[in-house]
Amino acid sequence: MLAWVVCDLLITDGPPPVFAAIAAMLVVQPSLNQSPAKGVERSAGVVAGVLLATGLGMAFGGATGVVLIAVSAALAMSWALRLTSGSANQIAISALLVLAIGASTPDYAFVRVVETIIGALIGIVIHPVLVPPVALEPARRALEDPGEETARALERLADALVTRKTRPGRLLLLVDARRLHPLRDEALEALEAAEDSLHLNPRARRYRDDVGAVRDALEVITKVGTQTRGMTRAYVDHYDDGVRGEPVVVGIAEELVRAAHDMRRLLRLTTPDPVGEDLDETAPALTAPLDVSAPQGMRWILIGSLMEDLRRIRHELGAQSA
């Protein structure tokens, strides 16, 4: 509204200041850090579209076919200059607006360029007054999915170690464990958006520690998820019906359940309302090192692999609790 009023007062001749309003709206982004860059990018797209349409209008007049030429030229220009999709769309849209209005003179193009720059500057100046929110809660919610799924994967593996599993059942464990990676990527994307929302934000100091805690928790979840996938892979590759009879395997399964407990505890400490059961505030559940007796036959390959990954999981969760 302010861009429209200012340009209407400064530029008295010509059509309404549509481009000023468009530029002001396009500049305002979810974070203050993005606004200046988007302002330059989108304004450049508007200016390029205006100049392109003006040149084509002066060369070919107001024929209908000029619209097709303008859109094709805008896309070709965007591809040749390797512009972003936002800039590419803006060039084509601006060219269409100019041709639709029907003005194709140098004076018209110059006024529209000035109008666009004014609108973009107003958007950049006004945006800090709006104080965009810090995207902390979406990052916390996104953290819950990989955290809870990692805890469930640990519990599923613990159950598989002490019960008999068919081959389809074992392969399903591996499929479920592999889901941890895309869930982690989604959480990382939300975390990066939260960190980006802190830049140039006057409320950044208040939330910086909370966002840092989410990143620390995601790093732990990522590392534990990696070890969980490794343990599941080793279990599937070296499965032995008799392995569940090994005394140490029962202890490993118990430790995996305790690790799942500590994973949910980590979520509770990081997020206000984590997914899953309502846990009591308890100390970390992982215990002292296991006593390992020599397994029979080649089972030491699987048990040794499980023990090493379990050690790493305990290290990550123990360091976070400390």
C-alpha atoms as a PDB file:
ATOM      1  CA  MET A   1       0.000   0.000   0.000  1.00  0.00           C
ATOM      2  CA  LEU A   2       2.784   2.411   0.891  1.00  0.00           C
ATOM      3  CA  ALA A   3       4.626   1.654  -2.365  1.00  0.00           C
ATOM      4  CA  TRP A   4       1.448   2.314  -4.336  1.00  0.00           C
ATOM      5  CA  VAL A   5       0.744   5.626  -2.579  1.00  0.00           C
ATOM      6  CA  VAL A   6       4.329   6.911  -2.798  1.00  0.00           C
ATOM      7  CA  CYS A   7       4.678   6.107  -6.504  1.00  0.00           C
ATOM      8  CA  ASP A   8       1.227   7.519  -7.223  1.00  0.00           C
ATOM      9  CA  LEU A   9       2.314  10.812  -5.628  1.00  0.00           C
ATOM     10  CA  LEU A  10       5.742  10.919  -7.280  1.00  0.00           C
ATOM     11  CA  ILE A  11       4.703   9.689 -10.725  1.00  0.00           C
ATOM     12  CA  THR A  12       1.527  11.499 -11.684  1.00  0.00           C
ATOM     13  CA  ASP A  13       1.356  10.488 -15.345  1.00  0.00           C
ATOM     14  CA  GLY A  14       0.722   7.026 -16.711  1.00  0.00           C
ATOM     15  CA  PRO A  15      -1.066   3.922 -15.489  1.00  0.00           C
ATOM     16  CA  PRO A  16      -1.398   2.953 -11.812  1.00  0.00           C
ATOM     17  CA  PRO A  17       1.879   1.911 -10.117  1.00  0.00           C
ATOM     18  CA  VAL A  18       1.293  -1.815 -10.405  1.00  0.00           C
ATOM     19  CA  PHE A  19       4.982  -2.634 -10.657  1.00  0.00           C
ATOM     20  CA  ALA A  20       5.781  -0.797  -7.429  1.00  0.00           C
ATOM     21  CA  ALA A  21       3.259  -2.887  -5.510  1.00  0.00           C
ATOM     22  CA  ILE A  22       4.516  -6.109  -7.116  1.00  0.00           C
ATOM     23  CA  ALA A  23       8.150  -5.328  -6.289  1.00  0.00           C
ATOM     24  CA  ALA A  24       7.310  -4.445  -2.662  1.00  0.00           C
ATOM     25  CA  MET A  25       5.435  -7.728  -2.145  1.00  0.00           C
ATOM     26  CA  LEU A  26       8.091  -9.863  -3.815  1.00  0.00           C
ATOM     27  CA  VAL A  27      10.846  -8.394  -1.644  1.00  0.00           C
ATOM     28  CA  VAL A  28       9.240  -9.470   1.654  1.00  0.00           C
ATOM     29  CA  GLN A  29      10.548 -12.984   2.412  1.00  0.00           C
ATOM     30  CA  PRO A  30      10.234 -15.341   5.402  1.00  0.00           C
ATOM     31  CA  SER A  31      13.504 -13.992   6.849  1.00  0.00           C
ATOM     32  CA  LEU A  32      15.177 -10.609   6.875  1.00  0.00           C
ATOM     33  CA  ASN A  33      18.333 -12.193   5.526  1.00  0.00           C
ATOM     34  CA  GLN A  34      16.595 -13.149   2.283  1.00  0.00           C
ATOM     35  CA  SER A  35      14.875  -9.847   1.614  1.00  0.00           C
ATOM     36  CA  PRO A  36      17.786  -7.764   0.211  1.00  0.00           C
ATOM     37  CA  ALA A  37      18.915 -10.576  -2.086  1.00  0.00           C
ATOM     38  CA  LYS A  38      15.373 -11.278  -3.241  1.00  0.00           C
ATOM     39  CA  GLY A  39      14.801  -7.566  -3.687  1.00  0.00           C
ATOM     40  CA  VAL A  40      17.722  -7.288  -6.080  1.00  0.00           C
ATOM     41  CA  GLU A  41      16.851 -10.540  -7.844  1.00  0.00           C
ATOM     42  CA  ARG A  42      13.153  -9.855  -8.361  1.00  0.00           C
ATOM     43  CA  SER A  43      13.683  -6.182  -9.202  1.00  0.00           C
ATOM     44  CA  ALA A  44      16.215  -7.152 -11.827  1.00  0.00           C
ATOM     45  CA  GLY A  45      13.653  -9.565 -13.242  1.00  0.00           C
ATOM     46  CA  VAL A  46      10.998  -6.860 -13.397  1.00  0.00           C
ATOM     47  CA  VAL A  47      13.379  -4.382 -15.046  1.00  0.00           C
ATOM     48  CA  ALA A  48      14.514  -6.986 -17.602  1.00  0.00           C
ATOM     49  CA  GLY A  49      10.898  -7.865 -18.407  1.00  0.00           C
ATOM     50  CA  VAL A  50       9.923  -4.224 -18.835  1.00  0.00           C
ATOM     51  CA  LEU A  51      12.870  -3.487 -21.118  1.00  0.00           C
ATOM     52  CA  LEU A  52      12.308  -6.662 -23.124  1.00  0.00           C
ATOM     53  CA  ALA A  53       8.614  -5.964 -23.687  1.00  0.00           C
ATOM     54  CA  THR A  54       9.265  -2.311 -24.511  1.00  0.00           C
ATOM     55  CA  GLY A  55      11.869  -3.222 -27.115  1.00  0.00           C
ATOM     56  CA  LEU A  56       9.652  -5.850 -28.723  1.00  0.00           C
ATOM     57  CA  GLY A  57       6.660  -3.511 -28.669  1.00  0.00           C
ATOM     58  CA  MET A  58       8.601  -0.774 -30.405  1.00  0.00           C
ATOM     59  CA  ALA A  59       9.910  -3.246 -32.992  1.00  0.00           C
ATOM     60  CA  PHE A  60       6.743  -5.223 -33.759  1.00  0.00           C
ATOM     61  CA  GLY A  61       3.900  -3.070 -32.484  1.00  0.00           C
ATOM     62  CA  GLY A  62       0.941  -4.378 -30.546  1.00  0.00           C
ATOM     63  CA  ALA A  63       0.309  -7.577 -32.516  1.00  0.00           C
ATOM     64  CA  THR A  64      -0.900 -10.596 -30.565  1.00  0.00           C
ATOM     65  CA  GLY A  65       2.076 -12.635 -31.676  1.00  0.00           C
ATOM     66  CA  VAL A  66       4.370 -10.288 -29.776  1.00  0.00           C
ATOM     67  CA  VAL A  67       3.166 -11.871 -26.528  1.00  0.00           C
ATOM     68  CA  LEU A  68       4.394 -15.301 -27.642  1.00  0.00           C
ATOM     69  CA  ILE A  69       7.695 -13.808 -28.764  1.00  0.00           C
ATOM     70  CA  ALA A  70       8.099 -11.961 -25.465  1.00  0.00           C
ATOM     71  CA  VAL A  71       7.473 -15.069 -23.319  1.00  0.00           C
ATOM     72  CA  SER A  72       9.810 -17.180 -25.453  1.00  0.00           C
ATOM     73  CA  ALA A  73      12.494 -14.499 -25.328  1.00  0.00           C
ATOM     74  CA  ALA A  74      12.108 -14.156 -21.539  1.00  0.00           C
ATOM     75  CA  LEU A  75      12.577 -17.889 -21.015  1.00  0.00           C
ATOM     76  CA  ALA A  76      15.519 -17.996 -23.406  1.00  0.00           C
ATOM     77  CA  MET A  77      17.150 -15.030 -21.647  1.00  0.00           C
ATOM     78  CA  SER A  78      16.681 -16.685 -18.252  1.00  0.00           C
ATOM     79  CA  TRP A  79      18.167 -19.953 -19.485  1.00  0.00           C
ATOM     80  CA  ALA A  80      21.146 -18.237 -21.133  1.00  0.00           C
ATOM     81  CA  LEU A  81      21.913 -16.190 -17.997  1.00  0.00           C
ATOM     82  CA  ARG A  82      21.222 -19.163 -15.677  1.00  0.00           C
ATOM     83  CA  LEU A  83      18.816 -17.178 -13.567  1.00  0.00           C
ATOM     84  CA  THR A  84      16.756 -18.634 -10.729  1.00  0.00           C
ATOM     85  CA  SER A  85      13.181 -19.732 -11.314  1.00  0.00           C
ATOM     86  CA  GLY A  86      11.917 -16.649  -9.448  1.00  0.00           C
ATOM     87  CA  SER A  87      13.782 -14.257 -11.720  1.00  0.00           C
ATOM     88  CA  ALA A  88      12.793 -16.210 -14.833  1.00  0.00           C
ATOM     89  CA  ASN A  89       9.110 -16.057 -13.934  1.00  0.00           C
ATOM     90  CA  GLN A  90       9.340 -12.386 -13.071  1.00  0.00           C
ATOM     91  CA  ILE A  91      10.835 -11.478 -16.454  1.00  0.00           C
ATOM     92  CA  ALA A  92       8.015 -13.227 -18.292  1.00  0.00           C
ATOM     93  CA  ILE A  93       5.281 -11.812 -16.006  1.00  0.00           C
ATOM     94  CA  SER A  94       6.595  -8.254 -16.270  1.00  0.00           C
ATOM     95  CA  ALA A  95       6.833  -8.508 -20.035  1.00  0.00           C
ATOM     96  CA  LEU A  96       3.234  -9.733 -20.214  1.00  0.00           C
ATOM     97  CA  LEU A  97       2.013  -6.884 -18.004  1.00  0.00           C
ATOM     98  CA  VAL A  98       3.717  -4.286 -20.159  1.00  0.00           C
ATOM     99  CA  LEU A  99       2.279  -5.762 -23.356  1.00  0.00           C
ATOM    100  CA  ALA A 100      -1.176  -6.096 -21.785  1.00  0.00           C
ATOM    101  CA  ILE A 101      -1.182  -2.449 -20.768  1.00  0.00           C
ATOM    102  CA  GLY A 102      -0.171  -1.628 -24.304  1.00  0.00           C
ATOM    103  CA  ALA A 103       2.465   1.003 -23.602  1.00  0.00           C
ATOM    104  CA  SER A 104       5.749   0.477 -25.429  1.00  0.00           C
ATOM    105  CA  THR A 105       7.688   3.725 -25.418  1.00  0.00           C
ATOM    106  CA  PRO A 106      11.076   4.510 -23.912  1.00  0.00           C
ATOM    107  CA  ASP A 107       9.500   6.936 -21.439  1.00  0.00           C
ATOM    108  CA  TYR A 108       7.078   4.285 -20.253  1.00  0.00           C
ATOM    109  CA  ALA A 109       9.888   1.764 -19.735  1.00  0.00           C
ATOM    110  CA  PHE A 110      11.978   4.259 -17.761  1.00  0.00           C
ATOM    111  CA  VAL A 111       9.067   5.181 -15.470  1.00  0.00           C
ATOM    112  CA  ARG A 112       8.253   1.512 -14.806  1.00  0.00           C
ATOM    113  CA  VAL A 113      11.892   0.780 -13.942  1.00  0.00           C
ATOM    114  CA  VAL A 114      11.962   3.677 -11.473  1.00  0.00           C
ATOM    115  CA  GLU A 115       8.646   2.561 -10.059  1.00  0.00           C
ATOM    116  CA  THR A 116       9.966  -0.971  -9.527  1.00  0.00           C
ATOM    117  CA  ILE A 117      13.091   0.254  -7.742  1.00  0.00           C
ATOM    118  CA  ILE A 118      11.019   2.474  -5.436  1.00  0.00           C
ATOM    119  CA  GLY A 119       8.711  -0.415  -4.581  1.00  0.00           C
ATOM    120  CA  ALA A 120      11.634  -2.737  -3.840  1.00  0.00           C
ATOM    121  CA  LEU A 121      13.338  -0.178  -1.605  1.00  0.00           C
ATOM    122  CA  ILE A 122      10.129   0.398   0.343  1.00  0.00           C
ATOM    123  CA  GLY A 123       9.728  -3.355   0.828  1.00  0.00           C
ATOM    124  CA  ILE A 124      13.292  -3.690   2.148  1.00  0.00           C
ATOM    125  CA  VAL A 125      12.839  -0.745   4.530  1.00  0.00           C
ATOM    126  CA  ILE A 126       9.436  -1.842   5.828  1.00  0.00           C
ATOM    127  CA  HIS A 127      10.317  -5.509   6.322  1.00  0.00           C
ATOM    128  CA  PRO A 128      12.415  -5.022   9.513  1.00  0.00           C
ATOM    129  CA  VAL A 129       9.477  -3.174  11.061  1.00  0.00           C
ATOM    130  CA  LEU A 130       7.342  -6.284  10.618  1.00  0.00           C
ATOM    131  CA  VAL A 131       9.949  -8.354  12.553  1.00  0.00           C
ATOM    132  CA  PRO A 132       9.470 -11.785  10.959  1.00  0.00           C
ATOM    133  CA  PRO A 133       9.183 -14.639  13.475  1.00  0.00           C
ATOM    134  CA  VAL A 134      12.092 -16.945  14.209  1.00  0.00           C
ATOM    135  CA  ALA A 135      11.293 -20.342  12.680  1.00  0.00           C
ATOM    136  CA  LEU A 136      12.174 -22.225  15.874  1.00  0.00           C
ATOM    137  CA  GLU A 137       8.978 -24.212  16.403  1.00  0.00           C
ATOM    138  CA  PRO A 138       8.959 -25.754  12.886  1.00  0.00           C
ATOM    139  CA  ALA A 139      12.559 -26.874  13.470  1.00  0.00           C
ATOM    140  CA  ARG A 140      11.616 -28.426  16.813  1.00  0.00           C
ATOM    141  CA  ARG A 141       8.653 -30.244  15.290  1.00  0.00           C
ATOM    142  CA  ALA A 142      10.797 -31.503  12.407  1.00  0.00           C
ATOM    143  CA  LEU A 143      13.303 -32.850  14.938  1.00  0.00           C
ATOM    144  CA  GLU A 144      10.691 -35.099  16.511  1.00  0.00           C
ATOM    145  CA  ASP A 145      10.237 -37.364  13.473  1.00  0.00           C
ATOM    146  CA  PRO A 146      13.842 -38.585  13.056  1.00  0.00           C
ATOM    147  CA  GLY A 147      14.307 -38.712  16.839  1.00  0.00           C
ATOM    148  CA  GLU A 148      11.233 -40.795  17.535  1.00  0.00           C
ATOM    149  CA  GLU A 149      11.806 -43.024  14.504  1.00  0.00           C
ATOM    150  CA  THR A 150      15.402 -43.655  15.626  1.00  0.00           C
ATOM    151  CA  ALA A 151      14.131 -44.694  19.061  1.00  0.00           C
ATOM    152  CA  ARG A 152      11.627 -47.064  17.463  1.00  0.00           C
ATOM    153  CA  ALA A 153      14.306 -48.517  15.180  1.00  0.00           C
ATOM    154  CA  LEU A 154      16.433 -49.273  18.237  1.00  0.00           C
ATOM    155  CA  GLU A 155      13.495 -50.987  19.932  1.00  0.00           C
ATOM    156  CA  ARG A 156      12.658 -53.001  16.803  1.00  0.00           C
ATOM    157  CA  LEU A 157      16.251 -54.189  16.551  1.00  0.00           C
ATOM    158  CA  ALA A 158      16.283 -55.085  20.251  1.00  0.00           C
ATOM    159  CA  ASP A 159      13.158 -57.202  19.759  1.00  0.00           C
ATOM    160  CA  ALA A 160      14.639 -58.871  16.670  1.00  0.00           C
ATOM    161  CA  LEU A 161      17.779 -59.894  18.565  1.00  0.00           C
ATOM    162  CA  VAL A 162      15.843 -61.951  21.130  1.00  0.00           C
ATOM    163  CA  THR A 163      13.023 -63.338  18.928  1.00  0.00           C
ATOM    164  CA  ARG A 164      13.001 -65.378  15.758  1.00  0.00           C
ATOM    165  CA  LYS A 165      12.537 -63.352  12.579  1.00  0.00           C
ATOM    166  CA  THR A 166      11.751 -64.584   9.079  1.00  0.00           C
ATOM    167  CA  ARG A 167      13.779 -63.203   6.181  1.00  0.00           C
ATOM    168  CA  PRO A 168      10.949 -60.835   5.071  1.00  0.00           C
ATOM    169  CA  GLY A 169      10.756 -59.599   8.648  1.00  0.00           C
ATOM    170  CA  ARG A 170      14.502 -58.972   8.748  1.00  0.00           C
ATOM    171  CA  LEU A 171      14.430 -57.122   5.445  1.00  0.00           C
ATOM    172  CA  LEU A 172      11.553 -54.980   6.719  1.00  0.00           C
ATOM    173  CA  LEU A 173      13.757 -53.937   9.647  1.00  0.00           C
ATOM    174  CA  LEU A 174      16.354 -52.727   7.166  1.00  0.00           C
ATOM    175  CA  VAL A 175      13.757 -50.822   5.125  1.00  0.00           C
ATOM    176  CA  ASP A 176      12.506 -49.088   8.272  1.00  0.00           C
ATOM    177  CA  ALA A 177      16.051 -48.206   9.331  1.00  0.00           C
ATOM    178  CA  ARG A 178      16.775 -46.635   5.954  1.00  0.00           C
ATOM    179  CA  ARG A 179      13.855 -44.231   6.478  1.00  0.00           C
ATOM    180  CA  LEU A 180      15.952 -42.400   9.050  1.00  0.00           C
ATOM    181  CA  HIS A 181      18.067 -40.640   6.414  1.00  0.00           C
ATOM    182  CA  PRO A 182      15.257 -38.771   4.574  1.00  0.00           C
ATOM    183  CA  LEU A 183      13.684 -37.832   7.906  1.00  0.00           C
ATOM    184  CA  ARG A 184      17.015 -36.365   8.976  1.00  0.00           C
ATOM    185  CA  ASP A 185      17.226 -34.370   5.722  1.00  0.00           C
ATOM    186  CA  GLU A 186      13.785 -32.872   6.339  1.00  0.00           C
ATOM    187  CA  ALA A 187      14.786 -31.881   9.867  1.00  0.00           C
ATOM    188  CA  LEU A 188      18.035 -30.358   8.585  1.00  0.00           C
ATOM    189  CA  GLU A 189      16.110 -28.261   6.061  1.00  0.00           C
ATOM    190  CA  ALA A 190      13.832 -26.932   8.815  1.00  0.00           C
ATOM    191  CA  LEU A 191      16.855 -26.216  11.022  1.00  0.00           C
ATOM    192  CA  GLU A 192      18.593 -24.269   8.248  1.00  0.00           C
ATOM    193  CA  ALA A 193      15.421 -22.214   7.795  1.00  0.00           C
ATOM    194  CA  ALA A 194      15.433 -21.460  11.529  1.00  0.00           C
ATOM    195  CA  GLU A 195      19.083 -20.405  11.450  1.00  0.00           C
ATOM    196  CA  ASP A 196      18.421 -18.248   8.404  1.00  0.00           C
ATOM    197  CA  SER A 197      15.534 -16.539  10.199  1.00  0.00           C
ATOM    198  CA  LEU A 198      17.983 -15.376  12.894  1.00  0.00           C
ATOM    199  CA  HIS A 199      20.071 -13.268  10.496  1.00  0.00           C
ATOM    200  CA  LEU A 200      19.434  -9.521  10.864  1.00  0.00           C
ATOM    201  CA  ASN A 201      16.502 -10.329  13.180  1.00  0.00           C
ATOM    202  CA  PRO A 202      16.363  -8.066  16.270  1.00  0.00           C
ATOM    203  CA  ARG A 203      15.058 -11.011  18.328  1.00  0.00           C
ATOM    204  CA  ALA A 204      17.923 -13.311  17.325  1.00  0.00           C
ATOM    205  CA  ARG A 205      19.773 -13.146  20.652  1.00  0.00           C
ATOM    206  CA  ARG A 206      16.751 -14.462  22.526  1.00  0.00           C
ATOM    207  CA  TYR A 207      16.458 -17.591  20.370  1.00  0.00           C
ATOM    208  CA  ARG A 208      20.052 -18.320  19.326  1.00  0.00           C
ATOM    209  CA  ASP A 209      20.694 -20.777  22.175  1.00  0.00           C
ATOM    210  CA  ASP A 210      17.440 -22.646  21.480  1.00  0.00           C
ATOM    211  CA  VAL A 211      18.265 -23.015  17.791  1.00  0.00           C
ATOM    212  CA  GLY A 212      21.765 -24.159  18.758  1.00  0.00           C
ATOM    213  CA  ALA A 213      20.257 -26.820  21.031  1.00  0.00           C
ATOM    214  CA  VAL A 214      18.174 -28.116  18.129  1.00  0.00           C
ATOM    215  CA  ARG A 215      21.304 -28.396  15.964  1.00  0.00           C
ATOM    216  CA  ASP A 216      23.179 -30.250  18.708  1.00  0.00           C
ATOM    217  CA  ALA A 217      20.291 -32.663  19.143  1.00  0.00           C
ATOM    218  CA  LEU A 218      20.030 -33.243  15.395  1.00  0.00           C
ATOM    219  CA  GLU A 219      23.744 -34.072  15.239  1.00  0.00           C
ATOM    220  CA  VAL A 220      23.295 -36.693  17.961  1.00  0.00           C
ATOM    221  CA  ILE A 221      20.207 -38.124  16.258  1.00  0.00           C
ATOM    222  CA  THR A 222      22.088 -38.281  12.949  1.00  0.00           C
ATOM    223  CA  LYS A 223      25.042 -40.150  14.451  1.00  0.00           C
ATOM    224  CA  VAL A 224      22.857 -42.549  16.424  1.00  0.00           C
ATOM    225  CA  GLY A 225      20.750 -43.140  13.312  1.00  0.00           C
ATOM    226  CA  THR A 226      23.891 -43.997  11.335  1.00  0.00           C
ATOM    227  CA  GLN A 227      24.928 -46.558  13.950  1.00  0.00           C
ATOM    228  CA  THR A 228      21.401 -47.950  14.080  1.00  0.00           C
ATOM    229  CA  ARG A 229      21.387 -48.523  10.320  1.00  0.00           C
ATOM    230  CA  GLY A 230      24.788 -50.200  10.615  1.00  0.00           C
ATOM    231  CA  MET A 231      23.604 -52.523  13.376  1.00  0.00           C
ATOM    232  CA  THR A 232      20.499 -53.429  11.406  1.00  0.00           C
ATOM    233  CA  ARG A 233      22.570 -54.110   8.295  1.00  0.00           C
ATOM    234  CA  ALA A 234      24.932 -56.361  10.273  1.00  0.00           C
ATOM    235  CA  TYR A 235      21.975 -58.206  11.812  1.00  0.00           C
ATOM    236  CA  VAL A 236      20.448 -58.887   8.377  1.00  0.00           C
ATOM    237  CA  ASP A 237      23.742 -59.903   6.746  1.00  0.00           C
ATOM    238  CA  HIS A 238      24.964 -62.182   9.549  1.00  0.00           C
ATOM    239  CA  TYR A 239      21.672 -63.508  10.903  1.00  0.00           C
ATOM    240  CA  ASP A 240      21.830 -66.798  12.784  1.00  0.00           C
ATOM    241  CA  ASP A 241      18.820 -68.456  14.386  1.00  0.00           C
ATOM    242  CA  GLY A 242      20.934 -69.413  17.367  1.00  0.00           C
ATOM    243  CA  VAL A 243      22.383 -65.972  18.010  1.00  0.00           C
ATOM    244  CA  ARG A 244      19.521 -65.036  20.307  1.00  0.00           C
ATOM    245  CA  GLY A 245      20.705 -67.765  22.644  1.00  0.00           C
ATOM    246  CA  GLU A 246      24.021 -66.033  23.276  1.00  0.00           C
ATOM    247  CA  PRO A 247      24.007 -64.479  26.782  1.00  0.00           C
ATOM    248  CA  VAL A 248      25.566 -61.218  25.597  1.00  0.00           C
ATOM    249  CA  VAL A 249      22.869 -60.700  22.942  1.00  0.00           C
ATOM    250  CA  VAL A 250      20.229 -60.344  25.649  1.00  0.00           C
ATOM    251  CA  GLY A 251      22.362 -57.643  27.255  1.00  0.00           C
ATOM    252  CA  ILE A 252      22.805 -55.856  23.908  1.00  0.00           C
ATOM    253  CA  ALA A 253      19.029 -55.897  23.360  1.00  0.00           C
ATOM    254  CA  GLU A 254      18.478 -54.409  26.809  1.00  0.00           C
ATOM    255  CA  GLU A 255      21.018 -51.678  26.096  1.00  0.00           C
ATOM    256  CA  LEU A 256      19.252 -50.853  22.819  1.00  0.00           C
ATOM    257  CA  VAL A 257      15.979 -50.366  24.702  1.00  0.00           C
ATOM    258  CA  ARG A 258      17.804 -48.100  27.154  1.00  0.00           C
ATOM    259  CA  ALA A 259      19.280 -46.154  24.212  1.00  0.00           C
ATOM    260  CA  ALA A 260      15.755 -45.669  22.835  1.00  0.00           C
ATOM    261  CA  HIS A 261      14.743 -44.297  26.244  1.00  0.00           C
ATOM    262  CA  ASP A 262      17.634 -41.848  26.210  1.00  0.00           C
ATOM    263  CA  MET A 263      16.810 -40.785  22.661  1.00  0.00           C
ATOM    264  CA  ARG A 264      13.299 -39.834  23.758  1.00  0.00           C
ATOM    265  CA  ARG A 265      14.764 -38.108  26.799  1.00  0.00           C
ATOM    266  CA  LEU A 266      16.928 -36.033  24.459  1.00  0.00           C
ATOM    267  CA  LEU A 267      13.818 -35.045  22.510  1.00  0.00           C
ATOM    268  CA  ARG A 268      12.051 -34.021  25.697  1.00  0.00           C
ATOM    269  CA  LEU A 269      14.962 -31.822  26.710  1.00  0.00           C
ATOM    270  CA  THR A 270      15.043 -30.184  23.265  1.00  0.00           C
ATOM    271  CA  THR A 271      11.363 -29.915  22.350  1.00  0.00           C
ATOM    272  CA  PRO A 272       8.477 -28.940  24.626  1.00  0.00           C
ATOM    273  CA  ASP A 273       6.107 -31.714  23.469  1.00  0.00           C
ATOM    274  CA  PRO A 274       7.970 -34.605  21.856  1.00  0.00           C
ATOM    275  CA  VAL A 275       6.240 -37.361  19.929  1.00  0.00           C
ATOM    276  CA  GLY A 276       5.640 -40.581  21.803  1.00  0.00           C
ATOM    277  CA  GLU A 277       4.969 -41.499  25.395  1.00  0.00           C
ATOM    278  CA  ASP A 278       5.101 -38.986  28.214  1.00  0.00           C
ATOM    279  CA  LEU A 279       8.410 -39.897  29.849  1.00  0.00           C
ATOM    280  CA  ASP A 280       9.198 -39.244  33.467  1.00  0.00           C
ATOM    281  CA  GLU A 281      12.164 -36.998  34.102  1.00  0.00           C
ATOM    282  CA  THR A 282      14.839 -39.637  34.746  1.00  0.00           C
ATOM    283  CA  ALA A 283      18.570 -39.913  34.479  1.00  0.00           C
ATOM    284  CA  PRO A 284      20.063 -41.457  31.341  1.00  0.00           C
ATOM    285  CA  ALA A 285      19.340 -45.190  31.268  1.00  0.00           C
ATOM    286  CA  LEU A 286      22.473 -46.535  29.573  1.00  0.00           C
ATOM    287  CA  THR A 287      24.535 -48.621  31.968  1.00  0.00           C
ATOM    288  CA  ALA A 288      28.102 -49.781  32.517  1.00  0.00           C
ATOM    289  CA  PRO A 289      29.980 -51.831  29.892  1.00  0.00           C
ATOM    290  CA  LEU A 290      28.735 -55.362  29.241  1.00  0.00           C
ATOM    291  CA  ASP A 291      30.653 -58.479  30.185  1.00  0.00           C
ATOM    292  CA  VAL A 292      31.190 -60.413  26.978  1.00  0.00           C
ATOM    293  CA  SER A 293      31.917 -64.135  26.796  1.00  0.00           C
ATOM    294  CA  ALA A 294      33.235 -65.738  23.629  1.00  0.00           C
ATOM    295  CA  PRO A 295      30.340 -66.514  21.241  1.00  0.00           C
ATOM    296  CA  GLN A 296      30.075 -69.797  19.391  1.00  0.00           C
ATOM    297  CA  GLY A 297      31.357 -70.254  15.849  1.00  0.00           C
ATOM    298  CA  MET A 298      31.277 -67.227  13.575  1.00  0.00           C
ATOM    299  CA  ARG A 299      28.716 -65.376  15.650  1.00  0.00           C
ATOM    300  CA  TRP A 300      31.508 -63.156  16.949  1.00  0.00           C
ATOM    301  CA  ILE A 301      31.342 -61.215  13.663  1.00  0.00           C
ATOM    302  CA  LEU A 302      27.769 -60.091  14.290  1.00  0.00           C
ATOM    303  CA  ILE A 303      28.181 -59.653  18.046  1.00  0.00           C
ATOM    304  CA  GLY A 304      31.426 -57.717  17.630  1.00  0.00           C
ATOM    305  CA  SER A 305      29.822 -55.388  15.087  1.00  0.00           C
ATOM    306  CA  LEU A 306      26.813 -54.822  17.338  1.00  0.00           C
ATOM    307  CA  MET A 307      29.040 -54.109  20.313  1.00  0.00           C
ATOM    308  CA  GLU A 308      31.111 -51.512  18.463  1.00  0.00           C
ATOM    309  CA  ASP A 309      28.059 -49.656  17.151  1.00  0.00           C
ATOM    310  CA  LEU A 310      26.463 -49.839  20.593  1.00  0.00           C
ATOM    311  CA  ARG A 311      29.614 -48.304  22.077  1.00  0.00           C
ATOM    312  CA  ARG A 312      29.352 -45.393  19.682  1.00  0.00           C
ATOM    313  CA  ILE A 313      25.663 -44.894  20.435  1.00  0.00           C
ATOM    314  CA  ARG A 314      26.375 -44.834  24.146  1.00  0.00           C
ATOM    315  CA  HIS A 315      29.179 -42.365  23.579  1.00  0.00           C
ATOM    316  CA  GLU A 316      26.935 -39.950  21.651  1.00  0.00           C
ATOM    317  CA  LEU A 317      24.004 -40.150  24.062  1.00  0.00           C
ATOM    318  CA  GLY A 318      26.295 -40.041  27.088  1.00  0.00           C
ATOM    319  CA  ALA A 319      28.117 -36.951  25.810  1.00  0.00           C
ATOM    320  CA  GLN A 320      24.809 -35.206  25.181  1.00  0.00           C
ATOM    321  CA  SER A 321      23.548 -36.053  28.678  1.00  0.00           C
ATOM    322  CA  ALA A 322      26.765 -34.775  30.219  1.00  0.00           C
END
